[in-house]
Amino acid sequence: MLAKSANRTEYERERDERIEANKRRMEKVLGDAKRKAFPSSSSEKDTEEERRIKKMKKSNALLPKSKPLLFGATKRTSARDKKVVNYAEEKVDVSISTPTLVPSGGGTAKRASSSFGTYDPPKTREEAQKSAVFYKPARRTKEVYPESSVLKRDEATGKLTFKNVPSSQAHFQPNLTPKEMIQAGTFGGCYFNPRGGKKGFLKRPILVTSKEFPEEWFENMSKGLYENRVYKSYRNLYQVKAGQDQHYWEEHGWINEQDPRGWFQWYCRFYLGRRTADDARQISRWTGVGGEKGRWKNNLLNKIVSSNRRFDDASISPVVRQTMLHWAIEVTEKDCMKFAKSKGYKLKVV
């Protein structure tokens, strides 16, 4: 036997080694399969953790099964009151609220009902006061109005009365001219740039240019204040972002092709004397914002009067003020007094 093994060639030795290795491998595989199929030996008992898990599953299986809650609320165990969630769309509150008034003679501020409160705002201007135009003849620079369009202007309120309008549109009386709006700071400084601000929804060129309008509207102003590519809040009078963009206007169908830049472009042309079939629609939109019952005008007047502040106090709703500025409206002292009186406030007589 030794002689035979000693006489084996190298190939035969490698073959025999492979046979032995395969034999051991097969024994291991068969042994593992047998142990998995018949786990009975004491050396292969479950670990302590596995036994604990099995015991827990077994005890849970004996408990009565509860019916699942589909689309239902779970039982509350907290003693705190459940908070009611309101999913209704938020609306602008234009009703008068019970104000906190400061007595004119000094003393502690107190709550008072509108029927007994007194609207007596400060008489002196402070740093917070801001206005596009002060409605006093001595303070306002002399402006020549288009003879073919503007009939007159009220010196106390600045309201403009236009020519060549039907009686149904005679209530359209903005109190800011296009020049006053531009000079004050509007639309983030990008209105007269065809690519200014966000791209339009309709993906079409915006035909707008400052060259169409009188040069004096833009006097002493750099083009960055009205022809900039990017909307910047600091270019606005009240230093805030207000209103929607070109994309939103077009998406909601507010744009007429004759005035692709929107309401202010229409107003500039209307102010200069143009009259079109779209005037009724644009005036109706203005009425809803700043007419006698306009939602934003009355919202602002409510906040001013209930806070007992001046009509031109910029700390009261600067976003609403900037929005109204884009619609050629600025509230006046007369507006505030009229609103306060209509709500039952007592007016301080000087």
Protein backbone atom coordinates (compact mmCIF):
# COMPACT_ATOMS: atom_id res chain seq x y z
CA MET A 1 0.00 0.00 0.00
CA LEU A 2 2.81 2.36 0.93
CA ALA A 3 4.59 1.43 -2.21
CA LYS A 4 1.44 2.11 -4.18
CA SER A 5 0.93 5.54 -2.56
CA ALA A 6 4.57 6.32 -2.95
CA ASN A 7 4.38 5.54 -6.63
CA ARG A 8 1.37 7.94 -7.22
CA THR A 9 1.85 10.71 -9.60
CA GLU A 10 1.33 14.37 -8.73
CA TYR A 11 -1.98 14.40 -10.59
CA GLU A 12 -3.30 11.44 -8.59
CA ARG A 13 -2.43 13.07 -5.26
CA GLU A 14 -4.27 16.31 -6.20
CA ARG A 15 -7.29 14.28 -7.36
CA ASP A 16 -7.51 12.36 -4.08
CA GLU A 17 -7.25 15.62 -2.07
CA ARG A 18 -10.13 17.14 -4.05
CA ILE A 19 -12.26 14.03 -3.47
CA GLU A 20 -11.67 14.22 0.30
CA ALA A 21 -12.45 17.95 0.39
CA ASN A 22 -15.71 17.45 -1.53
CA LYS A 23 -16.66 14.61 0.81
CA ARG A 24 -16.22 16.79 3.88
CA ARG A 25 -18.16 19.64 2.26
CA MET A 26 -21.13 17.38 1.44
CA GLU A 27 -21.22 15.99 4.99
CA LYS A 28 -21.39 19.52 6.37
CA VAL A 29 -24.21 20.56 4.00
CA LEU A 30 -26.26 17.44 4.76
CA GLY A 31 -25.69 17.89 8.47
CA ASP A 32 -26.89 21.48 8.42
CA ALA A 33 -30.01 20.53 6.48
CA LYS A 34 -30.79 17.72 8.93
CA ARG A 35 -30.39 19.97 11.95
CA LYS A 36 -32.75 22.60 10.47
CA ALA A 37 -35.37 19.96 9.65
CA PHE A 38 -35.10 18.14 13.00
CA PRO A 39 -33.89 20.60 15.71
CA SER A 40 -33.95 18.13 18.60
CA SER A 41 -30.47 17.98 20.02
CA SER A 42 -29.84 19.71 23.34
CA SER A 43 -26.89 21.62 21.90
CA GLU A 44 -29.21 23.44 19.46
CA LYS A 45 -31.80 24.71 21.92
CA ASP A 46 -33.21 28.22 21.47
CA THR A 47 -31.38 31.05 23.09
CA GLU A 48 -32.95 32.90 26.03
CA GLU A 49 -34.02 35.81 23.80
CA GLU A 50 -35.69 33.50 21.23
CA ARG A 51 -37.61 31.67 23.97
CA ARG A 52 -38.86 35.00 25.38
CA ILE A 53 -40.12 36.10 21.97
CA LYS A 54 -41.92 32.79 21.36
CA LYS A 55 -43.59 33.00 24.76
CA MET A 56 -44.81 36.55 24.04
CA LYS A 57 -46.26 35.57 20.67
CA LYS A 58 -48.04 32.59 22.22
CA SER A 59 -49.65 34.71 24.96
CA ASN A 60 -50.78 37.36 22.46
CA ALA A 61 -52.38 34.70 20.28
CA LEU A 62 -54.69 33.75 23.18
CA LEU A 63 -56.07 37.31 23.52
CA PRO A 64 -59.42 38.15 21.77
CA LYS A 65 -58.84 39.94 18.50
CA SER A 66 -60.31 43.47 18.22
CA LYS A 67 -61.89 44.78 15.05
CA PRO A 68 -59.69 47.19 13.11
CA LEU A 69 -60.69 50.88 13.04
CA LEU A 70 -60.99 51.97 9.43
CA PHE A 71 -61.07 55.74 8.82
CA GLY A 72 -62.08 56.23 12.43
CA ALA A 73 -60.65 58.25 15.28
CA THR A 74 -58.73 56.58 18.09
CA LYS A 75 -59.93 56.91 21.66
CA ARG A 76 -58.68 60.03 23.42
CA THR A 77 -57.07 59.44 26.78
CA SER A 78 -55.85 63.01 27.35
CA ALA A 79 -57.77 65.27 29.75
CA ARG A 80 -57.06 68.32 27.61
CA ASP A 81 -59.77 69.79 25.41
CA LYS A 82 -59.61 68.64 21.83
CA LYS A 83 -58.61 71.43 19.46
CA VAL A 84 -61.12 72.05 16.68
CA VAL A 85 -59.50 72.34 13.25
CA ASN A 86 -61.12 74.71 10.79
CA TYR A 87 -60.36 73.98 7.14
CA ALA A 88 -62.41 76.85 5.73
CA GLU A 89 -60.58 79.42 3.62
CA GLU A 90 -59.46 82.45 5.58
CA LYS A 91 -61.41 85.59 4.74
CA VAL A 92 -60.43 89.23 5.06
CA ASP A 93 -62.09 90.76 8.11
CA VAL A 94 -63.35 94.21 7.28
CA SER A 95 -65.67 94.55 10.26
CA ILE A 96 -64.92 97.02 12.99
CA SER A 97 -63.36 95.52 16.09
CA THR A 98 -63.53 96.69 19.67
CA PRO A 99 -60.58 99.09 19.85
CA THR A 100 -57.99 99.91 22.43
CA LEU A 101 -58.21 103.68 22.76
CA VAL A 102 -55.83 106.15 24.32
CA PRO A 103 -57.70 109.03 26.01
CA SER A 104 -56.78 112.39 24.56
CA GLY A 105 -56.01 113.73 28.05
CA GLY A 106 -53.44 111.03 28.73
CA GLY A 107 -53.76 108.15 31.20
CA THR A 108 -54.06 104.41 30.76
CA ALA A 109 -55.45 102.95 27.58
CA LYS A 110 -58.78 101.18 28.04
CA ARG A 111 -61.16 99.00 26.07
CA ALA A 112 -64.28 100.67 24.78
CA SER A 113 -67.16 99.82 22.50
CA SER A 114 -67.26 101.52 19.12
CA SER A 115 -70.40 103.43 20.07
CA PHE A 116 -68.61 105.17 22.96
CA GLY A 117 -65.03 105.28 21.72
CA THR A 118 -63.35 108.44 20.49
CA TYR A 119 -61.20 108.55 17.39
CA ASP A 120 -58.52 111.09 18.29
CA PRO A 121 -55.23 110.23 16.52
CA PRO A 122 -51.98 112.14 17.10
CA LYS A 123 -51.85 115.48 15.29
CA THR A 124 -48.08 115.62 14.73
CA ARG A 125 -46.24 113.53 12.18
CA GLU A 126 -43.76 110.94 13.41
CA GLU A 127 -41.02 108.85 11.78
CA ALA A 128 -43.51 106.08 11.04
CA GLN A 129 -45.65 108.38 8.91
CA LYS A 130 -45.25 107.88 5.19
CA SER A 131 -47.24 108.99 2.18
CA ALA A 132 -47.00 109.03 -1.60
CA VAL A 133 -48.49 112.53 -1.64
CA PHE A 134 -49.50 114.95 1.12
CA TYR A 135 -52.88 116.28 0.17
CA LYS A 136 -52.20 119.94 0.83
CA PRO A 137 -51.91 122.37 -2.11
CA ALA A 138 -48.79 124.00 -0.67
CA ARG A 139 -46.99 120.66 -0.31
CA ARG A 140 -47.91 119.07 -3.62
CA THR A 141 -45.88 120.05 -6.65
CA LYS A 142 -47.82 121.64 -9.45
CA GLU A 143 -48.80 119.07 -12.06
CA VAL A 144 -50.43 119.60 -15.40
CA TYR A 145 -53.22 117.09 -15.92
CA PRO A 146 -54.25 115.85 -19.38
CA GLU A 147 -56.93 118.26 -20.58
CA SER A 148 -58.58 115.58 -22.68
CA SER A 149 -58.97 113.23 -19.73
CA VAL A 150 -58.92 114.86 -16.27
CA LEU A 151 -61.78 117.20 -15.43
CA LYS A 152 -60.66 118.23 -11.94
CA ARG A 153 -58.89 117.16 -8.78
CA ASP A 154 -60.08 117.60 -5.21
CA GLU A 155 -57.46 119.54 -3.23
CA ALA A 156 -58.37 117.95 0.12
CA THR A 157 -58.45 114.28 -0.89
CA GLY A 158 -56.62 114.24 -4.22
CA LYS A 159 -59.50 112.43 -5.93
CA LEU A 160 -59.47 112.72 -9.71
CA THR A 161 -62.60 113.20 -11.78
CA PHE A 162 -62.29 112.05 -15.39
CA LYS A 163 -63.89 113.22 -18.60
CA ASN A 164 -65.59 111.08 -21.23
CA VAL A 165 -66.83 108.37 -18.86
CA PRO A 166 -70.42 107.10 -18.60
CA SER A 167 -72.37 107.78 -15.42
CA SER A 168 -71.99 104.12 -14.42
CA GLN A 169 -68.23 104.69 -14.16
CA ALA A 170 -68.27 108.16 -12.59
CA HIS A 171 -67.43 106.66 -9.16
CA PHE A 172 -63.95 105.83 -10.45
CA GLN A 173 -61.94 108.46 -8.57
CA PRO A 174 -58.43 107.31 -7.68
CA ASN A 175 -56.44 109.87 -5.73
CA LEU A 176 -52.99 109.13 -7.13
CA THR A 177 -51.73 109.91 -10.64
CA PRO A 178 -49.44 107.49 -12.50
CA LYS A 179 -46.52 109.85 -11.91
CA GLU A 180 -47.12 109.91 -8.15
CA MET A 181 -47.28 106.12 -8.06
CA ILE A 182 -44.04 105.68 -10.01
CA GLN A 183 -42.17 108.33 -8.03
CA ALA A 184 -43.33 106.84 -4.70
CA GLY A 185 -42.01 103.35 -5.47
CA THR A 186 -44.16 100.54 -6.87
CA PHE A 187 -44.04 96.99 -8.26
CA GLY A 188 -40.56 96.31 -6.90
CA GLY A 189 -39.05 98.59 -9.54
CA CYS A 190 -39.52 96.13 -12.43
CA TYR A 191 -42.89 97.05 -13.96
CA PHE A 192 -41.64 98.73 -17.15
CA ASN A 193 -39.12 96.00 -17.98
CA PRO A 194 -40.73 93.53 -20.47
CA ARG A 195 -38.90 90.71 -18.67
CA GLY A 196 -39.23 92.18 -15.21
CA GLY A 197 -40.31 89.87 -12.38
CA LYS A 198 -41.64 86.35 -12.78
CA LYS A 199 -42.31 85.04 -16.29
CA GLY A 200 -45.90 85.09 -17.48
CA PHE A 201 -48.15 82.04 -17.52
CA LEU A 202 -48.85 82.42 -21.27
CA LYS A 203 -45.13 82.46 -22.18
CA ARG A 204 -45.55 85.43 -24.53
CA PRO A 205 -43.65 88.73 -24.80
CA ILE A 206 -44.86 91.52 -22.50
CA LEU A 207 -45.27 94.68 -24.57
CA VAL A 208 -44.52 97.46 -22.09
CA THR A 209 -42.11 100.39 -22.18
CA SER A 210 -41.60 103.58 -20.22
CA LYS A 211 -40.97 105.45 -23.48
CA GLU A 212 -44.69 105.34 -24.21
CA PHE A 213 -45.40 107.77 -21.35
CA PRO A 214 -44.34 111.35 -20.51
CA GLU A 215 -40.73 111.78 -19.46
CA GLU A 216 -41.70 113.84 -16.40
CA TRP A 217 -43.28 110.73 -14.87
CA PHE A 218 -39.75 109.34 -14.49
CA GLU A 219 -37.80 112.52 -13.81
CA ASN A 220 -34.93 112.33 -11.31
CA MET A 221 -35.21 108.54 -11.21
CA SER A 222 -32.69 105.91 -12.26
CA LYS A 223 -34.01 103.17 -14.53
CA GLY A 224 -33.32 100.66 -11.78
CA LEU A 225 -36.32 102.08 -9.94
CA TYR A 226 -38.82 101.24 -12.69
CA GLU A 227 -37.11 99.08 -15.37
CA ASN A 228 -35.19 96.58 -13.27
CA ARG A 229 -35.12 92.90 -14.20
CA VAL A 230 -35.69 91.65 -10.64
CA TYR A 231 -38.45 92.58 -8.20
CA LYS A 232 -36.97 94.09 -5.03
CA SER A 233 -39.10 94.99 -2.02
CA TYR A 234 -36.81 97.82 -0.91
CA ARG A 235 -37.74 99.74 -4.08
CA ASN A 236 -41.34 99.96 -2.89
CA LEU A 237 -42.53 102.90 -0.81
CA TYR A 238 -43.37 100.72 2.20
CA GLN A 239 -40.35 98.41 1.79
CA VAL A 240 -42.53 95.27 1.54
CA LYS A 241 -43.57 92.81 -1.15
CA ALA A 242 -47.20 93.23 -2.11
CA GLY A 243 -49.54 92.02 -4.83
CA GLN A 244 -49.29 89.19 -7.35
CA ASP A 245 -46.98 88.72 -10.33
CA GLN A 246 -47.41 88.46 -14.11
CA HIS A 247 -47.73 84.68 -13.96
CA TYR A 248 -50.59 84.88 -11.46
CA TRP A 249 -52.40 87.65 -13.38
CA GLU A 250 -52.33 85.68 -16.64
CA GLU A 251 -53.18 82.36 -15.00
CA HIS A 252 -56.36 83.85 -13.50
CA GLY A 253 -57.47 85.52 -16.72
CA TRP A 254 -57.08 89.09 -15.48
CA ILE A 255 -55.04 90.24 -18.48
CA ASN A 256 -56.57 91.77 -21.60
CA GLU A 257 -54.33 91.61 -24.68
CA GLN A 258 -54.54 95.36 -25.22
CA ASP A 259 -52.81 95.90 -21.85
CA PRO A 260 -50.55 92.86 -21.41
CA ARG A 261 -48.86 94.28 -18.29
CA GLY A 262 -52.11 94.58 -16.36
CA TRP A 263 -54.19 97.14 -14.50
CA PHE A 264 -51.56 99.85 -14.03
CA GLN A 265 -50.73 99.86 -17.76
CA TRP A 266 -54.47 100.27 -18.43
CA TYR A 267 -54.66 103.11 -15.87
CA CYS A 268 -51.70 104.97 -17.39
CA ARG A 269 -53.39 104.92 -20.79
CA PHE A 270 -56.82 105.76 -19.35
CA TYR A 271 -55.30 108.71 -17.47
CA LEU A 272 -53.87 110.04 -20.74
CA GLY A 273 -57.27 109.91 -22.43
CA ARG A 274 -57.71 106.47 -24.01
CA ARG A 275 -61.18 104.93 -23.63
CA THR A 276 -61.92 101.29 -24.54
CA ALA A 277 -64.51 98.56 -24.03
CA ASP A 278 -62.36 97.09 -21.25
CA ASP A 279 -62.76 100.20 -19.05
CA ALA A 280 -65.86 98.85 -17.28
CA ARG A 281 -64.09 95.65 -16.23
CA GLN A 282 -60.95 97.42 -15.00
CA ILE A 283 -62.96 100.02 -13.08
CA SER A 284 -65.01 97.24 -11.50
CA ARG A 285 -61.80 95.58 -10.29
CA TRP A 286 -60.61 98.88 -8.82
CA THR A 287 -63.96 99.38 -7.07
CA GLY A 288 -63.64 96.03 -5.32
CA VAL A 289 -60.25 97.05 -3.94
CA GLY A 290 -60.53 100.74 -3.14
CA GLY A 291 -64.05 101.97 -3.79
CA GLU A 292 -66.34 103.19 -0.99
CA LYS A 293 -66.95 99.55 -0.02
CA GLY A 294 -63.64 98.19 -1.30
CA ARG A 295 -62.38 95.28 0.77
CA TRP A 296 -58.78 96.45 1.15
CA LYS A 297 -59.62 100.09 1.74
CA ASN A 298 -62.09 99.25 4.49
CA ASN A 299 -59.73 96.67 5.95
CA LEU A 300 -57.05 99.34 6.30
CA LEU A 301 -59.43 102.00 7.64
CA ASN A 302 -60.68 99.55 10.25
CA LYS A 303 -57.15 98.90 11.50
CA ILE A 304 -56.22 102.59 11.57
CA VAL A 305 -59.32 103.73 13.44
CA SER A 306 -59.40 100.83 15.92
CA SER A 307 -55.72 101.54 16.73
CA ASN A 308 -56.41 105.27 17.10
CA ARG A 309 -53.57 106.13 14.73
CA ARG A 310 -53.03 108.67 11.99
CA PHE A 311 -54.20 107.98 8.45
CA ASP A 312 -50.59 108.01 7.20
CA ASP A 313 -49.03 105.86 9.93
CA ALA A 314 -46.98 103.39 7.86
CA SER A 315 -46.64 100.97 10.78
CA ILE A 316 -50.31 100.05 10.31
CA SER A 317 -50.55 97.36 7.59
CA PRO A 318 -47.71 98.37 5.24
CA VAL A 319 -48.52 95.46 2.89
CA VAL A 320 -52.13 96.61 2.49
CA ARG A 321 -50.92 100.18 1.97
CA GLN A 322 -48.49 99.06 -0.75
CA THR A 323 -51.22 96.99 -2.40
CA MET A 324 -53.54 99.99 -2.50
CA LEU A 325 -50.73 102.16 -3.85
CA HIS A 326 -50.58 99.76 -6.83
CA TRP A 327 -54.26 100.60 -7.41
CA ALA A 328 -53.74 104.39 -7.27
CA ILE A 329 -55.30 104.71 -3.81
CA GLU A 330 -54.02 106.30 -0.63
CA VAL A 331 -56.30 106.75 2.40
CA THR A 332 -56.69 110.28 3.70
CA GLU A 333 -57.61 111.87 7.01
CA LYS A 334 -61.07 112.53 5.62
CA ASP A 335 -61.47 108.82 4.82
CA CYS A 336 -60.59 107.87 8.40
CA MET A 337 -62.97 110.42 9.93
CA LYS A 338 -65.83 109.31 7.68
CA PHE A 339 -65.20 105.64 8.49
CA ALA A 340 -64.98 106.27 12.25
CA LYS A 341 -68.23 108.22 12.21
CA SER A 342 -70.02 105.47 10.27
CA LYS A 343 -68.99 102.96 12.95
CA GLY A 344 -70.23 105.04 15.85
CA TYR A 345 -66.99 106.59 17.07
CA LYS A 346 -66.98 110.01 18.65
CA LEU A 347 -64.78 112.41 16.75
CA LYS A 348 -62.51 114.80 18.60
CA VAL A 349 -63.50 118.37 17.76
CA VAL A 350 -60.56 120.79 17.67
